[in-house]
Amino acid sequence: QVQLVESGGGLVQAGGSLSLSCAASGRTFSTYAMAWFRQAPGKEREFVARIWWSSGSRYYADSVSGRFTISRDNAKSTVYLQMNSLKPEDTAVYYCALETKISGNYDYWGQGTQVTVSS
């Protein structure tokens, strides 16, 4: 029904920047919000940032606030995550997720993209 395709992951040095993209396709008309999560090795999946699709309002985890910026392109059904001042602890697999108006849950997830921050 909905497919999420992520891109932009890679290796970056501490203090550097990286930008992730996640393009949604399929039945995206019921999109309520999109978000980024991450999962570091041996850790639980962690919320990173959220953007309400209609308003563009944003919300961030404290750990990334001031460093990361989530944005969206409504026409392209794409969400972005601009990551600045990266730290080694930001190393994780980053996932985008889509919350539908129908369910109120994150029903769709991307495949994940690896972000590695070296010291």
C-alpha atoms as a PDB file:
ATOM      1  CA  GLN A   1       0.000   0.000   0.000  1.00  0.00           C
ATOM      2  CA  VAL A   2       2.792   2.400   0.933  1.00  0.00           C
ATOM      3  CA  GLN A   3       6.454   1.965   0.256  1.00  0.00           C
ATOM      4  CA  LEU A   4       9.224   3.999   1.822  1.00  0.00           C
ATOM      5  CA  VAL A   5      12.618   4.190   0.176  1.00  0.00           C
ATOM      6  CA  GLU A   6      15.482   5.778   2.052  1.00  0.00           C
ATOM      7  CA  SER A   7      18.756   7.106   0.802  1.00  0.00           C
ATOM      8  CA  GLY A   8      21.667   9.200   1.959  1.00  0.00           C
ATOM      9  CA  GLY A   9      23.266   7.082   4.628  1.00  0.00           C
ATOM     10  CA  GLY A  10      26.970   6.624   4.829  1.00  0.00           C
ATOM     11  CA  LEU A  11      30.133   7.282   6.746  1.00  0.00           C
ATOM     12  CA  VAL A  12      30.912  10.714   8.105  1.00  0.00           C
ATOM     13  CA  GLN A  13      33.451  12.125  10.507  1.00  0.00           C
ATOM     14  CA  ALA A  14      32.377  13.520  13.855  1.00  0.00           C
ATOM     15  CA  GLY A  15      31.294  17.117  13.483  1.00  0.00           C
ATOM     16  CA  GLY A  16      30.270  16.582   9.912  1.00  0.00           C
ATOM     17  CA  SER A  17      26.900  16.582   8.239  1.00  0.00           C
ATOM     18  CA  LEU A  18      24.738  14.146   6.390  1.00  0.00           C
ATOM     19  CA  SER A  19      21.334  14.373   4.781  1.00  0.00           C
ATOM     20  CA  LEU A  20      18.850  11.530   4.550  1.00  0.00           C
ATOM     21  CA  SER A  21      15.870  11.254   2.258  1.00  0.00           C
ATOM     22  CA  CYS A  22      12.835   9.032   2.378  1.00  0.00           C
ATOM     23  CA  ALA A  23      10.440   8.917  -0.533  1.00  0.00           C
ATOM     24  CA  ALA A  24       6.963   7.529  -0.028  1.00  0.00           C
ATOM     25  CA  SER A  25       5.002   5.970  -2.832  1.00  0.00           C
ATOM     26  CA  GLY A  26       1.709   4.195  -3.205  1.00  0.00           C
ATOM     27  CA  ARG A  27      -1.351   5.194  -1.255  1.00  0.00           C
ATOM     28  CA  THR A  28       0.063   8.168   0.600  1.00  0.00           C
ATOM     29  CA  PHE A  29      -3.134  10.198   0.723  1.00  0.00           C
ATOM     30  CA  SER A  30      -3.791   9.214   4.322  1.00  0.00           C
ATOM     31  CA  THR A  31      -0.427  10.414   5.609  1.00  0.00           C
ATOM     32  CA  TYR A  32      -0.747  12.156   8.948  1.00  0.00           C
ATOM     33  CA  ALA A  33       2.885  12.420   9.908  1.00  0.00           C
ATOM     34  CA  MET A  34       6.261  11.060   9.049  1.00  0.00           C
ATOM     35  CA  ALA A  35       9.119  10.465  11.381  1.00  0.00           C
ATOM     36  CA  TRP A  36      12.664   9.293  11.696  1.00  0.00           C
ATOM     37  CA  PHE A  37      13.802   6.636  14.115  1.00  0.00           C
ATOM     38  CA  ARG A  38      17.168   5.083  14.682  1.00  0.00           C
ATOM     39  CA  GLN A  39      18.527   1.924  16.174  1.00  0.00           C
ATOM     40  CA  ALA A  40      22.083   1.652  17.375  1.00  0.00           C
ATOM     41  CA  PRO A  41      23.776  -1.718  17.820  1.00  0.00           C
ATOM     42  CA  GLY A  42      22.403  -3.476  20.872  1.00  0.00           C
ATOM     43  CA  LYS A  43      19.872  -0.721  21.510  1.00  0.00           C
ATOM     44  CA  GLU A  44      16.143  -0.357  21.162  1.00  0.00           C
ATOM     45  CA  ARG A  45      14.707   1.678  18.351  1.00  0.00           C
ATOM     46  CA  GLU A  46      14.713   5.347  19.307  1.00  0.00           C
ATOM     47  CA  PHE A  47      12.583   8.230  18.154  1.00  0.00           C
ATOM     48  CA  VAL A  48      14.500  11.006  16.417  1.00  0.00           C
ATOM     49  CA  ALA A  49      12.174  13.492  14.762  1.00  0.00           C
ATOM     50  CA  ARG A  50       8.616  13.874  13.590  1.00  0.00           C
ATOM     51  CA  ILE A  51       6.876  16.148  11.118  1.00  0.00           C
ATOM     52  CA  TRP A  52       3.148  16.630  10.766  1.00  0.00           C
ATOM     53  CA  TRP A  53       2.405  16.375   7.099  1.00  0.00           C
ATOM     54  CA  SER A  54      -0.199  19.074   6.641  1.00  0.00           C
ATOM     55  CA  SER A  55       1.158  21.767   8.914  1.00  0.00           C
ATOM     56  CA  GLY A  56       4.860  21.055   8.732  1.00  0.00           C
ATOM     57  CA  SER A  57       5.143  21.289  12.495  1.00  0.00           C
ATOM     58  CA  ARG A  58       8.164  19.513  13.859  1.00  0.00           C
ATOM     59  CA  TYR A  59       9.181  17.741  17.006  1.00  0.00           C
ATOM     60  CA  TYR A  60      12.588  16.409  17.989  1.00  0.00           C
ATOM     61  CA  ALA A  61      14.136  14.144  20.519  1.00  0.00           C
ATOM     62  CA  ASP A  62      16.236  16.044  23.022  1.00  0.00           C
ATOM     63  CA  SER A  63      19.335  14.211  21.897  1.00  0.00           C
ATOM     64  CA  VAL A  64      19.179  15.711  18.410  1.00  0.00           C
ATOM     65  CA  SER A  65      17.402  18.998  18.986  1.00  0.00           C
ATOM     66  CA  GLY A  66      19.396  21.873  17.557  1.00  0.00           C
ATOM     67  CA  ARG A  67      21.494  19.579  15.397  1.00  0.00           C
ATOM     68  CA  PHE A  68      18.984  17.756  13.209  1.00  0.00           C
ATOM     69  CA  THR A  69      16.281  19.212  11.011  1.00  0.00           C
ATOM     70  CA  ILE A  70      13.355  17.289   9.617  1.00  0.00           C
ATOM     71  CA  SER A  71      11.556  18.650   6.593  1.00  0.00           C
ATOM     72  CA  ARG A  72       9.201  17.485   3.906  1.00  0.00           C
ATOM     73  CA  ASP A  73       8.296  18.053   0.293  1.00  0.00           C
ATOM     74  CA  ASN A  74       4.574  17.474  -0.016  1.00  0.00           C
ATOM     75  CA  ALA A  75       4.612  17.287  -3.797  1.00  0.00           C
ATOM     76  CA  LYS A  76       7.261  14.596  -3.762  1.00  0.00           C
ATOM     77  CA  SER A  77       5.922  12.805  -0.679  1.00  0.00           C
ATOM     78  CA  THR A  78       9.439  12.912   0.632  1.00  0.00           C
ATOM     79  CA  VAL A  79      10.779  13.539   4.090  1.00  0.00           C
ATOM     80  CA  TYR A  80      14.320  14.624   4.817  1.00  0.00           C
ATOM     81  CA  LEU A  81      16.599  14.586   7.784  1.00  0.00           C
ATOM     82  CA  GLN A  82      19.454  17.048   7.773  1.00  0.00           C
ATOM     83  CA  MET A  83      21.988  15.987  10.362  1.00  0.00           C
ATOM     84  CA  ASN A  84      24.630  18.437  11.472  1.00  0.00           C
ATOM     85  CA  SER A  85      27.314  18.335  14.145  1.00  0.00           C
ATOM     86  CA  LEU A  86      27.216  14.576  14.088  1.00  0.00           C
ATOM     87  CA  LYS A  87      28.553  12.622  17.017  1.00  0.00           C
ATOM     88  CA  PRO A  88      29.720   9.022  17.242  1.00  0.00           C
ATOM     89  CA  GLU A  89      26.665   8.266  19.358  1.00  0.00           C
ATOM     90  CA  ASP A  90      24.520   9.163  16.359  1.00  0.00           C
ATOM     91  CA  THR A  91      25.765   6.006  14.692  1.00  0.00           C
ATOM     92  CA  ALA A  92      22.746   3.842  13.973  1.00  0.00           C
ATOM     93  CA  VAL A  93      20.492   2.465  11.332  1.00  0.00           C
ATOM     94  CA  TYR A  94      18.034   5.223  10.539  1.00  0.00           C
ATOM     95  CA  TYR A  95      14.477   4.374   9.589  1.00  0.00           C
ATOM     96  CA  CYS A  96      11.720   6.554   8.267  1.00  0.00           C
ATOM     97  CA  ALA A  97       8.157   5.800   9.218  1.00  0.00           C
ATOM     98  CA  LEU A  98       4.730   6.949   8.134  1.00  0.00           C
ATOM     99  CA  GLU A  99       1.743   7.433  10.400  1.00  0.00           C
ATOM    100  CA  THR A 100      -1.659   7.202   8.760  1.00  0.00           C
ATOM    101  CA  LYS A 101      -4.779   9.143   9.608  1.00  0.00           C
ATOM    102  CA  ILE A 102      -6.688   5.907   9.627  1.00  0.00           C
ATOM    103  CA  SER A 103      -4.719   3.946  12.182  1.00  0.00           C
ATOM    104  CA  GLY A 104      -2.833   6.584  14.135  1.00  0.00           C
ATOM    105  CA  ASN A 105       0.137   4.255  14.137  1.00  0.00           C
ATOM    106  CA  TYR A 106       3.407   4.036  12.270  1.00  0.00           C
ATOM    107  CA  ASP A 107       2.154   1.444   9.833  1.00  0.00           C
ATOM    108  CA  TYR A 108       4.898   1.772   7.252  1.00  0.00           C
ATOM    109  CA  TRP A 109       8.627   1.685   7.622  1.00  0.00           C
ATOM    110  CA  GLY A 110      11.564   2.095   5.342  1.00  0.00           C
ATOM    111  CA  GLN A 111      14.280  -0.470   4.964  1.00  0.00           C
ATOM    112  CA  GLY A 112      16.726   1.543   7.004  1.00  0.00           C
ATOM    113  CA  THR A 113      19.947   3.244   6.052  1.00  0.00           C
ATOM    114  CA  GLN A 114      23.202   2.992   7.934  1.00  0.00           C
ATOM    115  CA  VAL A 115      24.751   6.136   9.348  1.00  0.00           C
ATOM    116  CA  THR A 116      28.201   5.735  10.808  1.00  0.00           C
ATOM    117  CA  VAL A 117      29.951   8.610  12.544  1.00  0.00           C
ATOM    118  CA  SER A 118      33.627   8.109  13.165  1.00  0.00           C
ATOM    119  CA  SER A 119      35.638   9.876  15.837  1.00  0.00           C
END
